[in-house]
C-alpha atoms as a PDB file:
ATOM      1  CA  MET A   1     -34.497  -1.765 -30.604  1.00  0.00           C
ATOM      2  CA  LYS A   2     -30.977  -2.548 -31.841  1.00  0.00           C
ATOM      3  CA  LEU A   3     -29.711   0.634 -30.225  1.00  0.00           C
ATOM      4  CA  LEU A   4     -31.252  -0.361 -26.895  1.00  0.00           C
ATOM      5  CA  LEU A   5     -29.625  -3.784 -27.160  1.00  0.00           C
ATOM      6  CA  ILE A   6     -26.229  -2.195 -27.874  1.00  0.00           C
ATOM      7  CA  TYR A   7     -26.553   0.078 -24.818  1.00  0.00           C
ATOM      8  CA  PHE A   8     -27.570  -2.853 -22.651  1.00  0.00           C
ATOM      9  CA  LEU A   9     -24.651  -5.018 -23.800  1.00  0.00           C
ATOM     10  CA  SER A  10     -22.193  -2.135 -23.358  1.00  0.00           C
ATOM     11  CA  ALA A  11     -23.392  -1.541 -19.811  1.00  0.00           C
ATOM     12  CA  LEU A  12     -23.220  -5.250 -19.086  1.00  0.00           C
ATOM     13  CA  LEU A  13     -19.622  -5.434 -20.311  1.00  0.00           C
ATOM     14  CA  LEU A  14     -18.622  -2.434 -18.203  1.00  0.00           C
ATOM     15  CA  PHE A  15     -20.033  -3.962 -15.047  1.00  0.00           C
ATOM     16  CA  ALA A  16     -18.683  -7.420 -15.854  1.00  0.00           C
ATOM     17  CA  GLN A  17     -15.113  -6.258 -15.282  1.00  0.00           C
ATOM     18  CA  GLU A  18     -14.896  -7.059 -11.598  1.00  0.00           C
ATOM     19  CA  GLU A  19     -12.134  -5.596  -9.520  1.00  0.00           C
ATOM     20  CA  SER A  20     -10.522  -7.508  -6.717  1.00  0.00           C
ATOM     21  CA  PRO A  21     -11.410  -6.503  -3.146  1.00  0.00           C
ATOM     22  CA  GLN A  22      -7.843  -5.220  -2.807  1.00  0.00           C
ATOM     23  CA  HIS A  23      -7.985  -3.025  -5.928  1.00  0.00           C
ATOM     24  CA  ASN A  24      -8.698   0.337  -4.275  1.00  0.00           C
ATOM     25  CA  LYS A  25      -6.343  -0.401  -1.401  1.00  0.00           C
ATOM     26  CA  VAL A  26      -3.520  -1.148  -3.833  1.00  0.00           C
ATOM     27  CA  LEU A  27      -4.235   1.990  -5.866  1.00  0.00           C
ATOM     28  CA  ILE A  28      -3.903   4.100  -2.719  1.00  0.00           C
ATOM     29  CA  ILE A  29      -0.736   2.295  -1.616  1.00  0.00           C
ATOM     30  CA  GLU A  30       0.837   2.756  -5.041  1.00  0.00           C
ATOM     31  CA  LYS A  31      -0.026   6.454  -4.973  1.00  0.00           C
ATOM     32  CA  ILE A  32       1.544   6.825  -1.504  1.00  0.00           C
ATOM     33  CA  LEU A  33       4.689   4.963  -2.544  1.00  0.00           C
ATOM     34  CA  GLY A  34       4.861   7.078  -5.686  1.00  0.00           C
ATOM     35  CA  GLU A  35       5.028  10.165  -3.464  1.00  0.00           C
ATOM     36  CA  CYS A  36       7.853   8.673  -1.373  1.00  0.00           C
ATOM     37  CA  SER A  37      11.484   8.549  -2.356  1.00  0.00           C
ATOM     38  CA  ILE A  38      13.890   5.949  -1.028  1.00  0.00           C
ATOM     39  CA  THR A  39      17.499   5.487  -2.065  1.00  0.00           C
ATOM     40  CA  GLN A  40      17.019   2.012  -3.578  1.00  0.00           C
ATOM     41  CA  GLU A  41      14.841   0.546  -6.305  1.00  0.00           C
ATOM     42  CA  VAL A  42      11.362  -0.123  -4.922  1.00  0.00           C
ATOM     43  CA  LYS A  43      10.778  -3.859  -4.546  1.00  0.00           C
ATOM     44  CA  ILE A  44       7.563  -4.785  -2.774  1.00  0.00           C
ATOM     45  CA  TRP A  45       6.701  -7.781  -0.646  1.00  0.00           C
ATOM     46  CA  SER A  46       3.471  -8.251   1.285  1.00  0.00           C
ATOM     47  CA  ASP A  47       2.099 -10.890   3.598  1.00  0.00           C
ATOM     48  CA  ASN A  48      -1.149 -10.562   1.624  1.00  0.00           C
ATOM     49  CA  GLN A  49      -0.850 -12.452  -1.675  1.00  0.00           C
ATOM     50  CA  GLU A  50      -3.876 -10.664  -3.158  1.00  0.00           C
ATOM     51  CA  ILE A  51      -2.093  -7.341  -2.726  1.00  0.00           C
ATOM     52  CA  LEU A  52       1.056  -8.727  -4.346  1.00  0.00           C
ATOM     53  CA  LEU A  53      -0.923 -10.033  -7.315  1.00  0.00           C
ATOM     54  CA  GLU A  54      -2.700  -6.695  -7.741  1.00  0.00           C
ATOM     55  CA  VAL A  55       0.577  -4.732  -7.561  1.00  0.00           C
ATOM     56  CA  LYS A  56       2.149  -7.129 -10.054  1.00  0.00           C
ATOM     57  CA  GLU A  57      -0.841  -6.727 -12.383  1.00  0.00           C
ATOM     58  CA  HIS A  58      -0.497  -2.923 -12.342  1.00  0.00           C
ATOM     59  CA  ASN A  59       3.174  -3.307 -13.287  1.00  0.00           C
ATOM     60  CA  ASN A  60       4.230  -0.058 -11.538  1.00  0.00           C
ATOM     61  CA  TYR A  61       6.539  -1.713  -9.018  1.00  0.00           C
ATOM     62  CA  LYS A  62       8.663  -4.815  -8.888  1.00  0.00           C
ATOM     63  CA  VAL A  63       7.164  -7.567  -6.722  1.00  0.00           C
ATOM     64  CA  VAL A  64       9.395 -10.036  -4.886  1.00  0.00           C
ATOM     65  CA  GLN A  65       8.464 -13.357  -3.300  1.00  0.00           C
ATOM     66  CA  SER A  66      10.608 -12.974  -0.198  1.00  0.00           C
ATOM     67  CA  CYS A  67      10.683 -10.166   2.344  1.00  0.00           C
ATOM     68  CA  GLU A  68      14.478 -10.466   2.408  1.00  0.00           C
ATOM     69  CA  ASP A  69      14.599  -9.266  -1.223  1.00  0.00           C
ATOM     70  CA  ALA A  70      12.168  -6.372  -0.674  1.00  0.00           C
ATOM     71  CA  THR A  71      12.934  -2.715  -0.049  1.00  0.00           C
ATOM     72  CA  ILE A  72       9.361  -2.008   1.105  1.00  0.00           C
ATOM     73  CA  ILE A  73       7.170  -4.416   3.040  1.00  0.00           C
ATOM     74  CA  ILE A  74       3.391  -4.008   3.096  1.00  0.00           C
ATOM     75  CA  LEU A  75       2.255  -5.766   6.247  1.00  0.00           C
ATOM     76  CA  GLU A  76      -1.172  -6.791   7.521  1.00  0.00           C
ATOM     77  CA  ASN A  77      -0.158  -9.130  10.323  1.00  0.00           C
ATOM     78  CA  LYS A  78       2.735  -8.613  12.735  1.00  0.00           C
ATOM     79  CA  ASP A  79       3.251 -12.372  13.059  1.00  0.00           C
ATOM     80  CA  ASN A  80       4.198 -12.562   9.368  1.00  0.00           C
ATOM     81  CA  LEU A  81       7.216 -10.274   9.770  1.00  0.00           C
ATOM     82  CA  LYS A  82      10.428 -12.280   9.867  1.00  0.00           C
ATOM     83  CA  LYS A  83      13.167 -11.000  12.144  1.00  0.00           C
ATOM     84  CA  ALA A  84      15.535 -10.828   9.153  1.00  0.00           C
ATOM     85  CA  CYS A  85      13.139  -8.380   7.465  1.00  0.00           C
ATOM     86  CA  SER A  86      12.471  -6.061  10.383  1.00  0.00           C
ATOM     87  CA  ASN A  87      15.094  -3.553   9.202  1.00  0.00           C
ATOM     88  CA  LYS A  88      13.237  -2.850   5.911  1.00  0.00           C
ATOM     89  CA  HIS A  89      10.890   0.058   5.172  1.00  0.00           C
ATOM     90  CA  ILE A  90       7.551  -1.205   6.504  1.00  0.00           C
ATOM     91  CA  PHE A  91       4.138   0.176   5.559  1.00  0.00           C
ATOM     92  CA  VAL A  92       1.305  -1.330   7.602  1.00  0.00           C
ATOM     93  CA  LEU A  93      -2.379  -1.880   6.878  1.00  0.00           C
ATOM     94  CA  ASN A  94      -3.581  -1.618  10.453  1.00  0.00           C
ATOM     95  CA  TYR A  95      -3.191   1.447  12.667  1.00  0.00           C
ATOM     96  CA  GLU A  96      -2.274  -0.584  15.764  1.00  0.00           C
ATOM     97  CA  LEU A  97       0.721  -2.024  13.924  1.00  0.00           C
ATOM     98  CA  LEU A  98       2.292   1.448  13.884  1.00  0.00           C
ATOM     99  CA  SER A  99       2.742   1.084  17.652  1.00  0.00           C
ATOM    100  CA  ASP A 100       3.623  -2.603  17.526  1.00  0.00           C
ATOM    101  CA  ILE A 101       6.263  -2.245  14.806  1.00  0.00           C
ATOM    102  CA  PRO A 102       8.539   0.726  15.516  1.00  0.00           C
ATOM    103  CA  GLN A 103      10.216   0.354  12.095  1.00  0.00           C
ATOM    104  CA  SER A 104       6.928   1.036  10.272  1.00  0.00           C
ATOM    105  CA  PHE A 105       6.805   4.474   8.702  1.00  0.00           C
ATOM    106  CA  GLY A 106       3.155   4.710   7.709  1.00  0.00           C
ATOM    107  CA  ALA A 107      -0.246   3.096   7.626  1.00  0.00           C
ATOM    108  CA  LEU A 108      -3.322   2.797   5.465  1.00  0.00           C
ATOM    109  CA  PHE A 109      -6.429   1.650   7.284  1.00  0.00           C
ATOM    110  CA  TRP A 110     -10.192   1.962   7.032  1.00  0.00           C
ATOM    111  CA  LYS A 111     -12.171   3.753   9.726  1.00  0.00           C
ATOM    112  CA  LYS A 112     -15.902   4.383   9.436  1.00  0.00           C
ATOM    113  CA  GLY A 113     -15.788   3.104   5.870  1.00  0.00           C
ATOM    114  CA  ARG A 114     -13.139   5.587   4.746  1.00  0.00           C
ATOM    115  CA  PRO A 115      -9.462   5.147   4.024  1.00  0.00           C
ATOM    116  CA  ASN A 116      -7.101   6.870   6.445  1.00  0.00           C
ATOM    117  CA  ILE A 117      -3.438   7.504   5.774  1.00  0.00           C
ATOM    118  CA  VAL A 118      -0.896   8.206   8.496  1.00  0.00           C
ATOM    119  CA  ILE A 119       2.812   8.758   7.947  1.00  0.00           C
ATOM    120  CA  ILE A 120       5.004   9.237  11.012  1.00  0.00           C
ATOM    121  CA  GLU A 121       7.379  12.118  10.297  1.00  0.00           C
ATOM    122  CA  PRO A 122      10.210  11.206  12.724  1.00  0.00           C
ATOM    123  CA  ARG A 123      10.270   7.664  11.320  1.00  0.00           C
ATOM    124  CA  ILE A 124      10.544   8.727   7.684  1.00  0.00           C
ATOM    125  CA  LYS A 125      13.368  11.082   8.612  1.00  0.00           C
ATOM    126  CA  LYS A 126      15.158   8.316  10.510  1.00  0.00           C
ATOM    127  CA  GLN A 127      14.785   5.970   7.514  1.00  0.00           C
ATOM    128  CA  SER A 128      15.841   8.684   5.013  1.00  0.00           C
ATOM    129  CA  ILE A 129      12.504   8.542   3.197  1.00  0.00           C
ATOM    130  CA  LYS A 130      11.580  11.753   1.444  1.00  0.00           C
ATOM    131  CA  THR A 131       7.939  12.605   0.770  1.00  0.00           C
ATOM    132  CA  SER A 132       6.378  15.031  -1.668  1.00  0.00           C
ATOM    133  CA  LYS A 133       4.195  17.957  -0.642  1.00  0.00           C
ATOM    134  CA  ASN A 134       1.152  15.869  -1.584  1.00  0.00           C
ATOM    135  CA  LEU A 135       1.684  13.739   1.536  1.00  0.00           C
ATOM    136  CA  GLU A 136       2.049  16.681   3.958  1.00  0.00           C
ATOM    137  CA  PRO A 137      -1.590  16.456   5.151  1.00  0.00           C
ATOM    138  CA  TYR A 138      -0.920  12.878   6.275  1.00  0.00           C
ATOM    139  CA  LEU A 139       2.274  13.542   8.224  1.00  0.00           C
ATOM    140  CA  GLU A 140       2.002  13.107  11.980  1.00  0.00           C
ATOM    141  CA  LYS A 141       4.619  13.873  14.624  1.00  0.00           C
ATOM    142  CA  LYS A 142       3.602  10.840  16.695  1.00  0.00           C
ATOM    143  CA  ILE A 143       1.104   8.007  16.891  1.00  0.00           C
ATOM    144  CA  TRP A 144      -2.195   9.181  18.389  1.00  0.00           C
END
């Protein structure tokens, strides 16, 4: 009986550790950014505070509170992009934003319940972003 109680409590503790809704999205973004090389230190800003908090919690990248201080911007809404920040490396979380924001170099978005990654090859070359071979399957010559 004690053994059954221990198993039950262990399972309960495992399931009690809730992850934020942004957790998986941030893990994928961090993996993508880890496969990219830019000339400056990676400093991330996002218009989604939950993403910023999750990135900060993982402690893999420096998080900044202003897009002006960032080297990479993770953007969900075009309206949140200040003109002063439009020359930064921009990674979007909506496929349509790739067309709307010509400075964006890639996107992570969900389609049919699955994550999709698109990186626009001419844009990364123009921005001097180098990618590892692991990202080759996600490179596209143009927006579909």
